[in-house]
Protein backbone atom coordinates (compact mmCIF):
# COMPACT_ATOMS: atom_id res chain seq x y z
CA MET A 1 -13.74 39.55 -30.02
CA LEU A 2 -13.36 43.15 -31.48
CA ALA A 3 -12.40 45.91 -29.18
CA GLY A 4 -13.06 49.02 -30.72
CA ASN A 5 -10.82 49.26 -34.07
CA ALA A 6 -8.68 46.12 -33.09
CA ARG A 7 -8.32 43.05 -35.38
CA PRO A 8 -9.74 39.74 -34.24
CA ILE A 9 -7.38 37.21 -32.80
CA SER A 10 -6.22 35.12 -35.50
CA PHE A 11 -6.99 31.61 -36.30
CA THR A 12 -3.43 30.41 -35.74
CA LEU A 13 -3.45 31.90 -32.23
CA ARG A 14 -6.82 30.56 -31.30
CA VAL A 15 -5.60 27.06 -32.29
CA LEU A 16 -2.55 27.36 -30.63
CA LEU A 17 -4.39 28.49 -27.30
CA PHE A 18 -6.82 25.58 -27.87
CA VAL A 19 -4.10 22.80 -28.49
CA SER A 20 -1.95 24.26 -25.45
CA LEU A 21 -4.99 24.40 -22.99
CA ALA A 22 -6.12 20.79 -24.08
CA THR A 23 -2.26 19.35 -23.72
CA GLY A 24 -2.11 21.13 -20.32
CA LEU A 25 -5.33 19.64 -19.14
CA SER A 26 -4.47 16.18 -20.36
CA LEU A 27 -0.95 16.30 -18.70
CA PHE A 28 -2.49 17.51 -15.59
CA LEU A 29 -5.10 14.61 -15.50
CA THR A 30 -2.52 12.00 -16.42
CA ALA A 31 -0.15 13.16 -13.77
CA SER A 32 -3.08 12.99 -10.99
CA LEU A 33 -3.96 9.50 -12.31
CA VAL A 34 -0.21 8.31 -11.99
CA ILE A 35 0.10 9.79 -8.59
CA SER A 36 -3.24 8.23 -7.42
CA SER A 37 -2.07 5.08 -8.73
CA VAL A 38 1.52 5.21 -7.10
CA ASN A 39 -0.16 6.19 -3.66
CA HIS A 40 -2.72 3.05 -4.16
CA HIS A 41 0.15 0.62 -4.82
CA PHE A 42 2.16 1.91 -1.91
CA MET A 43 -0.78 1.48 0.31
CA GLU A 44 -1.55 -2.04 -0.56
CA GLN A 45 2.13 -2.79 0.11
CA ASP A 46 2.45 -1.34 3.36
CA ALA A 47 -0.96 -3.18 4.33
CA ALA A 48 0.28 -6.45 3.13
CA GLU A 49 3.71 -5.73 5.33
CA LEU A 50 1.72 -4.80 8.23
CA GLN A 51 -0.53 -8.03 7.87
CA VAL A 52 2.80 -10.21 7.84
CA ILE A 53 4.11 -8.44 10.85
CA ASN A 54 0.73 -8.87 12.80
CA GLN A 55 0.54 -12.64 11.93
CA SER A 56 4.12 -12.95 13.20
CA ILE A 57 3.24 -11.30 16.29
CA GLU A 58 0.17 -13.30 16.75
CA ASN A 59 1.91 -16.61 16.06
CA ILE A 60 4.52 -15.56 18.98
CA ARG A 61 1.70 -14.80 21.45
CA TYR A 62 -0.52 -17.87 20.76
CA CYS A 63 1.74 -20.59 19.91
CA PRO A 64 3.15 -22.58 23.09
CA ARG A 65 6.69 -21.79 23.86
CA ILE A 66 8.99 -24.98 23.19
CA THR A 67 11.39 -25.36 25.94
CA TYR A 68 14.47 -27.60 25.75
CA THR A 69 15.86 -29.42 28.90
CA VAL A 70 19.10 -30.76 29.25
CA ASN A 71 19.85 -33.91 31.01
CA GLN A 72 22.38 -33.74 33.83
CA SER A 73 23.81 -37.11 32.84
CA ASP A 74 24.49 -35.48 29.40
CA HIS A 75 26.76 -32.84 30.97
CA SER A 76 28.59 -35.07 33.39
CA ASN A 77 29.17 -37.61 30.24
CA ALA A 78 30.64 -34.67 28.24
CA SER A 79 32.85 -33.41 30.95
CA ASP A 80 34.40 -36.79 31.68
CA ALA A 81 35.72 -37.19 28.17
């Protein structure tokens, strides 16, 4: 740590650099963990929503359609009143 006649780096400066490096690294790891968790959460939500949409489409495709028929006698009675 000596360069010619220069004094060594002070203990305070070395501790400061170590603490700032450790703090920065821990903040980076925490941020990446939070971002990963949020992305995973939204992917799960999207998958659940797509599954509901898919189930709705399958229900429409494969269930028999309900058709209602109207008797002519019902219309003639309603118009006579």
